[in-house]
Amino acid sequence: MIFLVYPLVLLSSIAVITLGVIGLLIHRNPIRMLLSLEVSFNGVLLLLLYSGWVVGKPVFSSSLALFAIAISSSELALMVSIIMALFREGYMKTLDQNELEVEEEK
């Protein structure tokens, strides 16, 4: 019965990674792009935990997942602070192509 769960976890992690990458490619808003990156990162974390579960070393995969969470949270805090500074100073207003074309026509 437990062997039926393994493919479902693998397929779920691949689906979450795919949704995150598609969201990253579709959106031009920096906040939405960051959210898409976080969704795909959660899929990678699920894949890390799944690999440790299948191989039989859950402590190793859990420690890798915790290390990846620490790296991701510090990276996300740095990216958000840089983006907020760019918005505040007026260097970046939007990355949406349609809005940029409308502003160029004015």
PDB file of N, CA and C in Angstrom:
ATOM      1  N   MET A   1       0.815  -1.199   0.000  1.00  0.00           N
ATOM      2  CA  MET A   1       0.000   0.000   0.000  1.00  0.00           C
ATOM      3  C   MET A   1       0.858   1.262   0.000  1.00  0.00           C
ATOM      4  N   ILE A   2       1.976   1.234   0.743  1.00  0.00           N
ATOM      5  CA  ILE A   2       2.824   2.427   0.803  1.00  0.00           C
ATOM      6  C   ILE A   2       3.530   2.666  -0.523  1.00  0.00           C
ATOM      7  N   PHE A   3       3.724   1.601  -1.316  1.00  0.00           N
ATOM      8  CA  PHE A   3       4.388   1.772  -2.599  1.00  0.00           C
ATOM      9  C   PHE A   3       3.513   2.514  -3.604  1.00  0.00           C
ATOM     10  N   LEU A   4       2.231   2.602  -3.348  1.00  0.00           N
ATOM     11  CA  LEU A   4       1.345   3.383  -4.206  1.00  0.00           C
ATOM     12  C   LEU A   4       1.511   4.881  -3.956  1.00  0.00           C
ATOM     13  N   VAL A   5       2.016   5.237  -2.788  1.00  0.00           N
ATOM     14  CA  VAL A   5       2.183   6.652  -2.438  1.00  0.00           C
ATOM     15  C   VAL A   5       3.426   7.237  -3.102  1.00  0.00           C
ATOM     16  N   TYR A   6       4.465   6.440  -3.306  1.00  0.00           N
ATOM     17  CA  TYR A   6       5.719   6.950  -3.865  1.00  0.00           C
ATOM     18  C   TYR A   6       5.536   7.647  -5.207  1.00  0.00           C
ATOM     19  N   PRO A   7       4.865   7.028  -6.184  1.00  0.00           N
ATOM     20  CA  PRO A   7       4.700   7.735  -7.466  1.00  0.00           C
ATOM     21  C   PRO A   7       3.846   8.994  -7.345  1.00  0.00           C
ATOM     22  N   LEU A   8       2.882   9.005  -6.440  1.00  0.00           N
ATOM     23  CA  LEU A   8       2.048  10.192  -6.278  1.00  0.00           C
ATOM     24  C   LEU A   8       2.852  11.372  -5.733  1.00  0.00           C
ATOM     25  N   VAL A   9       3.748  11.102  -4.803  1.00  0.00           N
ATOM     26  CA  VAL A   9       4.594  12.170  -4.255  1.00  0.00           C
ATOM     27  C   VAL A   9       5.546  12.680  -5.331  1.00  0.00           C
ATOM     28  N   LEU A  10       6.119  11.776  -6.109  1.00  0.00           N
ATOM     29  CA  LEU A  10       7.021  12.177  -7.187  1.00  0.00           C
ATOM     30  C   LEU A  10       6.283  13.013  -8.226  1.00  0.00           C
ATOM     31  N   LEU A  11       5.126  12.560  -8.653  1.00  0.00           N
ATOM     32  CA  LEU A  11       4.351  13.317  -9.642  1.00  0.00           C
ATOM     33  C   LEU A  11       3.895  14.662  -9.099  1.00  0.00           C
ATOM     34  N   SER A  12       3.548  14.710  -7.824  1.00  0.00           N
ATOM     35  CA  SER A  12       3.137  15.981  -7.219  1.00  0.00           C
ATOM     36  C   SER A  12       4.298  16.978  -7.193  1.00  0.00           C
ATOM     37  N   SER A  13       5.481  16.512  -6.822  1.00  0.00           N
ATOM     38  CA  SER A  13       6.627  17.426  -6.778  1.00  0.00           C
ATOM     39  C   SER A  13       6.988  17.917  -8.177  1.00  0.00           C
ATOM     40  N   ILE A  14       6.917  17.055  -9.175  1.00  0.00           N
ATOM     41  CA  ILE A  14       7.196  17.472 -10.546  1.00  0.00           C
ATOM     42  C   ILE A  14       6.137  18.455 -11.035  1.00  0.00           C
ATOM     43  N   ALA A  15       4.873  18.238 -10.666  1.00  0.00           N
ATOM     44  CA  ALA A  15       3.803  19.162 -11.063  1.00  0.00           C
ATOM     45  C   ALA A  15       3.990  20.535 -10.417  1.00  0.00           C
ATOM     46  N   VAL A  16       4.392  20.569  -9.154  1.00  0.00           N
ATOM     47  CA  VAL A  16       4.596  21.849  -8.467  1.00  0.00           C
ATOM     48  C   VAL A  16       5.783  22.598  -9.080  1.00  0.00           C
ATOM     49  N   ILE A  17       6.855  21.882  -9.400  1.00  0.00           N
ATOM     50  CA  ILE A  17       8.010  22.524 -10.046  1.00  0.00           C
ATOM     51  C   ILE A  17       7.604  23.081 -11.407  1.00  0.00           C
ATOM     52  N   THR A  18       6.843  22.312 -12.160  1.00  0.00           N
ATOM     53  CA  THR A  18       6.398  22.754 -13.484  1.00  0.00           C
ATOM     54  C   THR A  18       5.506  23.982 -13.393  1.00  0.00           C
ATOM     55  N   LEU A  19       4.579  23.996 -12.444  1.00  0.00           N
ATOM     56  CA  LEU A  19       3.716  25.164 -12.273  1.00  0.00           C
ATOM     57  C   LEU A  19       4.520  26.408 -11.909  1.00  0.00           C
ATOM     58  N   GLY A  20       5.518  26.253 -11.074  1.00  0.00           N
ATOM     59  CA  GLY A  20       6.363  27.383 -10.707  1.00  0.00           C
ATOM     60  C   GLY A  20       7.149  27.923 -11.886  1.00  0.00           C
ATOM     61  N   VAL A  21       7.691  27.039 -12.716  1.00  0.00           N
ATOM     62  CA  VAL A  21       8.455  27.477 -13.884  1.00  0.00           C
ATOM     63  C   VAL A  21       7.538  28.146 -14.905  1.00  0.00           C
ATOM     64  N   ILE A  22       6.351  27.589 -15.109  1.00  0.00           N
ATOM     65  CA  ILE A  22       5.396  28.212 -16.031  1.00  0.00           C
ATOM     66  C   ILE A  22       4.995  29.594 -15.530  1.00  0.00           C
ATOM     67  N   GLY A  23       4.745  29.721 -14.239  1.00  0.00           N
ATOM     68  CA  GLY A  23       4.419  31.024 -13.671  1.00  0.00           C
ATOM     69  C   GLY A  23       5.556  32.012 -13.818  1.00  0.00           C
ATOM     70  N   LEU A  24       6.788  31.538 -13.700  1.00  0.00           N
ATOM     71  CA  LEU A  24       7.951  32.401 -13.864  1.00  0.00           C
ATOM     72  C   LEU A  24       8.067  32.899 -15.298  1.00  0.00           C
ATOM     73  N   LEU A  25       7.754  32.050 -16.260  1.00  0.00           N
ATOM     74  CA  LEU A  25       7.857  32.438 -17.660  1.00  0.00           C
ATOM     75  C   LEU A  25       6.702  33.322 -18.113  1.00  0.00           C
ATOM     76  N   ILE A  26       5.536  33.164 -17.506  1.00  0.00           N
ATOM     77  CA  ILE A  26       4.351  33.908 -17.936  1.00  0.00           C
ATOM     78  C   ILE A  26       4.327  35.325 -17.364  1.00  0.00           C
ATOM     79  N   HIS A  27       4.618  35.471 -16.094  1.00  0.00           N
ATOM     80  CA  HIS A  27       4.440  36.755 -15.418  1.00  0.00           C
ATOM     81  C   HIS A  27       5.641  37.670 -15.614  1.00  0.00           C
ATOM     82  N   ARG A  28       5.360  38.981 -15.652  1.00  0.00           N
ATOM     83  CA  ARG A  28       6.412  39.981 -15.747  1.00  0.00           C
ATOM     84  C   ARG A  28       6.490  40.846 -14.493  1.00  0.00           C
ATOM     85  N   ASN A  29       5.543  40.715 -13.608  1.00  0.00           N
ATOM     86  CA  ASN A  29       5.562  41.452 -12.358  1.00  0.00           C
ATOM     87  C   ASN A  29       6.606  40.814 -11.441  1.00  0.00           C
ATOM     88  N   PRO A  30       7.525  41.597 -10.870  1.00  0.00           N
ATOM     89  CA  PRO A  30       8.590  41.007 -10.050  1.00  0.00           C
ATOM     90  C   PRO A  30       8.078  40.240  -8.837  1.00  0.00           C
ATOM     91  N   ILE A  31       7.002  40.710  -8.224  1.00  0.00           N
ATOM     92  CA  ILE A  31       6.460  40.012  -7.060  1.00  0.00           C
ATOM     93  C   ILE A  31       5.885  38.661  -7.471  1.00  0.00           C
ATOM     94  N   ARG A  32       5.175  38.637  -8.568  1.00  0.00           N
ATOM     95  CA  ARG A  32       4.637  37.353  -9.053  1.00  0.00           C
ATOM     96  C   ARG A  32       5.751  36.407  -9.484  1.00  0.00           C
ATOM     97  N   MET A  33       6.819  36.960 -10.035  1.00  0.00           N
ATOM     98  CA  MET A  33       7.959  36.117 -10.403  1.00  0.00           C
ATOM     99  C   MET A  33       8.604  35.507  -9.165  1.00  0.00           C
ATOM    100  N   LEU A  34       8.722  36.295  -8.100  1.00  0.00           N
ATOM    101  CA  LEU A  34       9.265  35.762  -6.849  1.00  0.00           C
ATOM    102  C   LEU A  34       8.368  34.678  -6.267  1.00  0.00           C
ATOM    103  N   LEU A  35       7.058  34.905  -6.340  1.00  0.00           N
ATOM    104  CA  LEU A  35       6.131  33.876  -5.847  1.00  0.00           C
ATOM    105  C   LEU A  35       6.235  32.599  -6.673  1.00  0.00           C
ATOM    106  N   SER A  36       6.404  32.727  -7.979  1.00  0.00           N
ATOM    107  CA  SER A  36       6.569  31.544  -8.823  1.00  0.00           C
ATOM    108  C   SER A  36       7.855  30.807  -8.492  1.00  0.00           C
ATOM    109  N   LEU A  37       8.919  31.563  -8.201  1.00  0.00           N
ATOM    110  CA  LEU A  37      10.163  30.918  -7.780  1.00  0.00           C
ATOM    111  C   LEU A  37       9.987  30.164  -6.471  1.00  0.00           C
ATOM    112  N   GLU A  38       9.227  30.741  -5.561  1.00  0.00           N
ATOM    113  CA  GLU A  38       8.996  30.072  -4.282  1.00  0.00           C
ATOM    114  C   GLU A  38       8.156  28.797  -4.469  1.00  0.00           C
ATOM    115  N   VAL A  39       7.211  28.832  -5.387  1.00  0.00           N
ATOM    116  CA  VAL A  39       6.412  27.627  -5.654  1.00  0.00           C
ATOM    117  C   VAL A  39       7.300  26.522  -6.215  1.00  0.00           C
ATOM    118  N   SER A  40       8.149  26.871  -7.178  1.00  0.00           N
ATOM    119  CA  SER A  40       9.042  25.845  -7.734  1.00  0.00           C
ATOM    120  C   SER A  40      10.054  25.370  -6.695  1.00  0.00           C
ATOM    121  N   PHE A  41      10.481  26.259  -5.801  1.00  0.00           N
ATOM    122  CA  PHE A  41      11.391  25.847  -4.732  1.00  0.00           C
ATOM    123  C   PHE A  41      10.714  24.850  -3.793  1.00  0.00           C
ATOM    124  N   ASN A  42       9.432  25.047  -3.511  1.00  0.00           N
ATOM    125  CA  ASN A  42       8.709  24.088  -2.674  1.00  0.00           C
ATOM    126  C   ASN A  42       8.614  22.729  -3.346  1.00  0.00           C
ATOM    127  N   GLY A  43       8.491  22.723  -4.659  1.00  0.00           N
ATOM    128  CA  GLY A  43       8.516  21.459  -5.378  1.00  0.00           C
ATOM    129  C   GLY A  43       9.859  20.767  -5.276  1.00  0.00           C
ATOM    130  N   VAL A  44      10.938  21.548  -5.324  1.00  0.00           N
ATOM    131  CA  VAL A  44      12.282  20.976  -5.172  1.00  0.00           C
ATOM    132  C   VAL A  44      12.468  20.421  -3.762  1.00  0.00           C
ATOM    133  N   LEU A  45      11.952  21.140  -2.760  1.00  0.00           N
ATOM    134  CA  LEU A  45      12.035  20.626  -1.389  1.00  0.00           C
ATOM    135  C   LEU A  45      11.276  19.308  -1.245  1.00  0.00           C
ATOM    136  N   LEU A  46      10.105  19.239  -1.843  1.00  0.00           N
ATOM    137  CA  LEU A  46       9.339  17.993  -1.799  1.00  0.00           C
ATOM    138  C   LEU A  46      10.092  16.867  -2.494  1.00  0.00           C
ATOM    139  N   LEU A  47      10.768  17.189  -3.595  1.00  0.00           N
ATOM    140  CA  LEU A  47      11.567  16.190  -4.299  1.00  0.00           C
ATOM    141  C   LEU A  47      12.766  15.744  -3.458  1.00  0.00           C
ATOM    142  N   LEU A  48      13.393  16.666  -2.723  1.00  0.00           N
ATOM    143  CA  LEU A  48      14.492  16.302  -1.820  1.00  0.00           C
ATOM    144  C   LEU A  48      14.019  15.349  -0.728  1.00  0.00           C
ATOM    145  N   LEU A  49      12.899  15.693  -0.121  1.00  0.00           N
ATOM    146  CA  LEU A  49      12.373  14.831   0.934  1.00  0.00           C
ATOM    147  C   LEU A  49      11.934  13.479   0.384  1.00  0.00           C
ATOM    148  N   TYR A  50      11.371  13.479  -0.814  1.00  0.00           N
ATOM    149  CA  TYR A  50      10.968  12.228  -1.454  1.00  0.00           C
ATOM    150  C   TYR A  50      12.181  11.343  -1.723  1.00  0.00           C
ATOM    151  N   SER A  51      13.271  11.943  -2.208  1.00  0.00           N
ATOM    152  CA  SER A  51      14.449  11.133  -2.520  1.00  0.00           C
ATOM    153  C   SER A  51      15.028  10.493  -1.263  1.00  0.00           C
ATOM    154  N   GLY A  52      15.029  11.210  -0.168  1.00  0.00           N
ATOM    155  CA  GLY A  52      15.507  10.618   1.081  1.00  0.00           C
ATOM    156  C   GLY A  52      14.589   9.530   1.590  1.00  0.00           C
ATOM    157  N   TRP A  53      13.309   9.680   1.335  1.00  0.00           N
ATOM    158  CA  TRP A  53      12.323   8.690   1.756  1.00  0.00           C
ATOM    159  C   TRP A  53      12.486   7.400   0.966  1.00  0.00           C
ATOM    160  N   VAL A  54      12.732   7.521  -0.343  1.00  0.00           N
ATOM    161  CA  VAL A  54      12.868   6.340  -1.197  1.00  0.00           C
ATOM    162  C   VAL A  54      14.197   5.643  -0.956  1.00  0.00           C
ATOM    163  N   VAL A  55      15.266   6.421  -0.827  1.00  0.00           N
ATOM    164  CA  VAL A  55      16.596   5.834  -0.645  1.00  0.00           C
ATOM    165  C   VAL A  55      16.731   5.209   0.734  1.00  0.00           C
ATOM    166  N   GLY A  56      16.038   5.771   1.713  1.00  0.00           N
ATOM    167  CA  GLY A  56      16.092   5.214   3.053  1.00  0.00           C
ATOM    168  C   GLY A  56      16.944   6.023   4.013  1.00  0.00           C
ATOM    169  N   LYS A  57      17.295   7.246   3.619  1.00  0.00           N
ATOM    170  CA  LYS A  57      18.080   8.121   4.493  1.00  0.00           C
ATOM    171  C   LYS A  57      17.307   9.422   4.720  1.00  0.00           C
ATOM    172  N   PRO A  58      16.259   9.354   5.525  1.00  0.00           N
ATOM    173  CA  PRO A  58      15.441  10.556   5.719  1.00  0.00           C
ATOM    174  C   PRO A  58      16.151  11.659   6.498  1.00  0.00           C
ATOM    175  N   VAL A  59      17.127  11.294   7.341  1.00  0.00           N
ATOM    176  CA  VAL A  59      17.848  12.315   8.107  1.00  0.00           C
ATOM    177  C   VAL A  59      18.705  13.161   7.166  1.00  0.00           C
ATOM    178  N   PHE A  60      19.362  12.515   6.211  1.00  0.00           N
ATOM    179  CA  PHE A  60      20.194  13.241   5.256  1.00  0.00           C
ATOM    180  C   PHE A  60      19.364  14.170   4.392  1.00  0.00           C
ATOM    181  N   SER A  61      18.237  13.678   3.876  1.00  0.00           N
ATOM    182  CA  SER A  61      17.404  14.529   3.016  1.00  0.00           C
ATOM    183  C   SER A  61      16.746  15.641   3.814  1.00  0.00           C
ATOM    184  N   SER A  62      16.400  15.372   5.069  1.00  0.00           N
ATOM    185  CA  SER A  62      15.816  16.430   5.898  1.00  0.00           C
ATOM    186  C   SER A  62      16.834  17.522   6.197  1.00  0.00           C
ATOM    187  N   SER A  63      18.069  17.131   6.436  1.00  0.00           N
ATOM    188  CA  SER A  63      19.100  18.146   6.684  1.00  0.00           C
ATOM    189  C   SER A  63      19.387  18.947   5.416  1.00  0.00           C
ATOM    190  N   LEU A  64      19.373  18.293   4.249  1.00  0.00           N
ATOM    191  CA  LEU A  64      19.515  19.023   2.991  1.00  0.00           C
ATOM    192  C   LEU A  64      18.360  19.993   2.782  1.00  0.00           C
ATOM    193  N   ALA A  65      17.150  19.551   3.105  1.00  0.00           N
ATOM    194  CA  ALA A  65      15.982  20.413   2.946  1.00  0.00           C
ATOM    195  C   ALA A  65      16.057  21.612   3.883  1.00  0.00           C
ATOM    196  N   LEU A  66      16.490  21.405   5.117  1.00  0.00           N
ATOM    197  CA  LEU A  66      16.630  22.527   6.050  1.00  0.00           C
ATOM    198  C   LEU A  66      17.714  23.500   5.592  1.00  0.00           C
ATOM    199  N   PHE A  67      18.801  22.983   5.055  1.00  0.00           N
ATOM    200  CA  PHE A  67      19.847  23.843   4.523  1.00  0.00           C
ATOM    201  C   PHE A  67      19.333  24.650   3.336  1.00  0.00           C
ATOM    202  N   ALA A  68      18.556  24.004   2.452  1.00  0.00           N
ATOM    203  CA  ALA A  68      17.988  24.706   1.295  1.00  0.00           C
ATOM    204  C   ALA A  68      16.989  25.768   1.728  1.00  0.00           C
ATOM    205  N   ILE A  69      16.220  25.503   2.777  1.00  0.00           N
ATOM    206  CA  ILE A  69      15.274  26.498   3.294  1.00  0.00           C
ATOM    207  C   ILE A  69      16.027  27.705   3.838  1.00  0.00           C
ATOM    208  N   ALA A  70      17.115  27.467   4.549  1.00  0.00           N
ATOM    209  CA  ALA A  70      17.898  28.578   5.093  1.00  0.00           C
ATOM    210  C   ALA A  70      18.506  29.423   3.981  1.00  0.00           C
ATOM    211  N   ILE A  71      19.052  28.793   2.966  1.00  0.00           N
ATOM    212  CA  ILE A  71      19.627  29.524   1.833  1.00  0.00           C
ATOM    213  C   ILE A  71      18.533  30.298   1.100  1.00  0.00           C
ATOM    214  N   SER A  72      17.391  29.674   0.881  1.00  0.00           N
ATOM    215  CA  SER A  72      16.307  30.324   0.141  1.00  0.00           C
ATOM    216  C   SER A  72      15.726  31.508   0.895  1.00  0.00           C
ATOM    217  N   SER A  73      15.565  31.385   2.199  1.00  0.00           N
ATOM    218  CA  SER A  73      14.977  32.491   2.949  1.00  0.00           C
ATOM    219  C   SER A  73      15.923  33.689   2.988  1.00  0.00           C
ATOM    220  N   SER A  74      17.214  33.455   3.108  1.00  0.00           N
ATOM    221  CA  SER A  74      18.146  34.583   3.080  1.00  0.00           C
ATOM    222  C   SER A  74      18.220  35.199   1.689  1.00  0.00           C
ATOM    223  N   GLU A  75      18.161  34.371   0.664  1.00  0.00           N
ATOM    224  CA  GLU A  75      18.179  34.872  -0.710  1.00  0.00           C
ATOM    225  C   GLU A  75      16.917  35.655  -1.017  1.00  0.00           C
ATOM    226  N   LEU A  76      15.790  35.184  -0.536  1.00  0.00           N
ATOM    227  CA  LEU A  76      14.518  35.879  -0.769  1.00  0.00           C
ATOM    228  C   LEU A  76      14.486  37.217  -0.049  1.00  0.00           C
ATOM    229  N   ALA A  77      14.999  37.271   1.164  1.00  0.00           N
ATOM    230  CA  ALA A  77      15.040  38.541   1.900  1.00  0.00           C
ATOM    231  C   ALA A  77      15.925  39.549   1.183  1.00  0.00           C
ATOM    232  N   LEU A  78      17.031  39.103   0.649  1.00  0.00           N
ATOM    233  CA  LEU A  78      17.921  39.995  -0.093  1.00  0.00           C
ATOM    234  C   LEU A  78      17.272  40.486  -1.378  1.00  0.00           C
ATOM    235  N   MET A  79      16.619  39.598  -2.111  1.00  0.00           N
ATOM    236  CA  MET A  79      15.972  39.999  -3.360  1.00  0.00           C
ATOM    237  C   MET A  79      14.823  40.960  -3.115  1.00  0.00           C
ATOM    238  N   VAL A  80      14.025  40.718  -2.111  1.00  0.00           N
ATOM    239  CA  VAL A  80      12.902  41.611  -1.819  1.00  0.00           C
ATOM    240  C   VAL A  80      13.403  42.985  -1.408  1.00  0.00           C
ATOM    241  N   SER A  81      14.469  43.053  -0.610  1.00  0.00           N
ATOM    242  CA  SER A  81      15.000  44.360  -0.201  1.00  0.00           C
ATOM    243  C   SER A  81      15.578  45.116  -1.390  1.00  0.00           C
ATOM    244  N   ILE A  82      16.224  44.424  -2.318  1.00  0.00           N
ATOM    245  CA  ILE A  82      16.759  45.090  -3.506  1.00  0.00           C
ATOM    246  C   ILE A  82      15.624  45.588  -4.390  1.00  0.00           C
ATOM    247  N   ILE A  83      14.599  44.772  -4.592  1.00  0.00           N
ATOM    248  CA  ILE A  83      13.463  45.183  -5.421  1.00  0.00           C
ATOM    249  C   ILE A  83      12.728  46.355  -4.792  1.00  0.00           C
ATOM    250  N   MET A  84      12.540  46.326  -3.492  1.00  0.00           N
ATOM    251  CA  MET A  84      11.869  47.444  -2.817  1.00  0.00           C
ATOM    252  C   MET A  84      12.689  48.726  -2.940  1.00  0.00           C
ATOM    253  N   ALA A  85      14.008  48.634  -2.853  1.00  0.00           N
ATOM    254  CA  ALA A  85      14.855  49.817  -3.021  1.00  0.00           C
ATOM    255  C   ALA A  85      14.750  50.362  -4.445  1.00  0.00           C
ATOM    256  N   LEU A  86      14.705  49.472  -5.434  1.00  0.00           N
ATOM    257  CA  LEU A  86      14.559  49.923  -6.815  1.00  0.00           C
ATOM    258  C   LEU A  86      13.215  50.587  -7.049  1.00  0.00           C
ATOM    259  N   PHE A  87      12.151  50.049  -6.471  1.00  0.00           N
ATOM    260  CA  PHE A  87      10.829  50.670  -6.600  1.00  0.00           C
ATOM    261  C   PHE A  87      10.802  52.024  -5.906  1.00  0.00           C
ATOM    262  N   ARG A  88      11.384  52.124  -4.742  1.00  0.00           N
ATOM    263  CA  ARG A  88      11.347  53.356  -3.960  1.00  0.00           C
ATOM    264  C   ARG A  88      12.085  54.483  -4.679  1.00  0.00           C
ATOM    265  N   GLU A  89      13.212  54.166  -5.296  1.00  0.00           N
ATOM    266  CA  GLU A  89      13.992  55.193  -5.982  1.00  0.00           C
ATOM    267  C   GLU A  89      13.454  55.504  -7.380  1.00  0.00           C
ATOM    268  N   GLY A  90      12.509  54.712  -7.862  1.00  0.00           N
ATOM    269  CA  GLY A  90      11.894  54.975  -9.160  1.00  0.00           C
ATOM    270  C   GLY A  90      12.628  54.367 -10.340  1.00  0.00           C
ATOM    271  N   TYR A  91      13.626  53.528 -10.094  1.00  0.00           N
ATOM    272  CA  TYR A  91      14.343  52.897 -11.190  1.00  0.00           C
ATOM    273  C   TYR A  91      13.511  51.820 -11.874  1.00  0.00           C
ATOM    274  N   MET A  92      12.628  51.202 -11.118  1.00  0.00           N
ATOM    275  CA  MET A  92      11.824  50.123 -11.670  1.00  0.00           C
ATOM    276  C   MET A  92      10.380  50.345 -11.253  1.00  0.00           C
ATOM    277  N   LYS A  93       9.501  50.454 -12.248  1.00  0.00           N
ATOM    278  CA  LYS A  93       8.088  50.623 -11.940  1.00  0.00           C
ATOM    279  C   LYS A  93       7.327  49.341 -12.231  1.00  0.00           C
ATOM    280  N   THR A  94       7.613  48.726 -13.361  1.00  0.00           N
ATOM    281  CA  THR A  94       6.956  47.474 -13.716  1.00  0.00           C
ATOM    282  C   THR A  94       7.797  46.755 -14.761  1.00  0.00           C
ATOM    283  N   LEU A  95       7.590  45.494 -14.880  1.00  0.00           N
ATOM    284  CA  LEU A  95       8.220  44.714 -15.943  1.00  0.00           C
ATOM    285  C   LEU A  95       7.198  44.222 -16.946  1.00  0.00           C
ATOM    286  N   ASP A  96       5.964  44.697 -16.828  1.00  0.00           N
ATOM    287  CA  ASP A  96       4.910  44.276 -17.729  1.00  0.00           C
ATOM    288  C   ASP A  96       5.108  44.953 -19.078  1.00  0.00           C
ATOM    289  N   GLN A  97       5.221  44.179 -20.129  1.00  0.00           N
ATOM    290  CA  GLN A  97       5.522  44.703 -21.457  1.00  0.00           C
ATOM    291  C   GLN A  97       4.411  45.612 -21.971  1.00  0.00           C
ATOM    292  N   ASN A  98       3.145  45.271 -21.723  1.00  0.00           N
ATOM    293  CA  ASN A  98       2.036  46.093 -22.209  1.00  0.00           C
ATOM    294  C   ASN A  98       2.037  47.465 -21.545  1.00  0.00           C
ATOM    295  N   GLU A  99       2.288  47.526 -20.253  1.00  0.00           N
ATOM    296  CA  GLU A  99       2.325  48.809 -19.554  1.00  0.00           C
ATOM    297  C   GLU A  99       3.514  49.651 -20.014  1.00  0.00           C
ATOM    298  N   LEU A 100       4.638  49.014 -20.314  1.00  0.00           N
ATOM    299  CA  LEU A 100       5.791  49.756 -20.808  1.00  0.00           C
ATOM    300  C   LEU A 100       5.519  50.356 -22.182  1.00  0.00           C
ATOM    301  N   GLU A 101       4.830  49.616 -23.066  1.00  0.00           N
ATOM    302  CA  GLU A 101       4.503  50.125 -24.378  1.00  0.00           C
ATOM    303  C   GLU A 101       3.521  51.292 -24.299  1.00  0.00           C
ATOM    304  N   VAL A 102       2.558  51.230 -23.393  1.00  0.00           N
ATOM    305  CA  VAL A 102       1.594  52.316 -23.214  1.00  0.00           C
ATOM    306  C   VAL A 102       2.301  53.567 -22.723  1.00  0.00           C
ATOM    307  N   GLU A 103       3.260  53.440 -21.812  1.00  0.00           N
ATOM    308  CA  GLU A 103       3.998  54.595 -21.287  1.00  0.00           C
ATOM    309  C   GLU A 103       4.911  55.187 -22.352  1.00  0.00           C
ATOM    310  N   GLU A 104       5.461  54.366 -23.254  1.00  0.00           N
ATOM    311  CA  GLU A 104       6.314  54.878 -24.322  1.00  0.00           C
ATOM    312  C   GLU A 104       5.504  55.677 -25.332  1.00  0.00           C
ATOM    313  N   GLU A 105       4.248  55.284 -25.559  1.00  0.00           N
ATOM    314  CA  GLU A 105       3.407  55.988 -26.528  1.00  0.00           C
ATOM    315  C   GLU A 105       3.017  57.370 -26.028  1.00  0.00           C
ATOM    316  N   LYS A 106       2.961  57.549 -24.707  1.00  0.00           N
ATOM    317  CA  LYS A 106       2.594  58.859 -24.139  1.00  0.00           C
ATOM    318  C   LYS A 106       3.717  59.792 -24.328  1.00  0.00           C
TER     319      LYS A 106
END
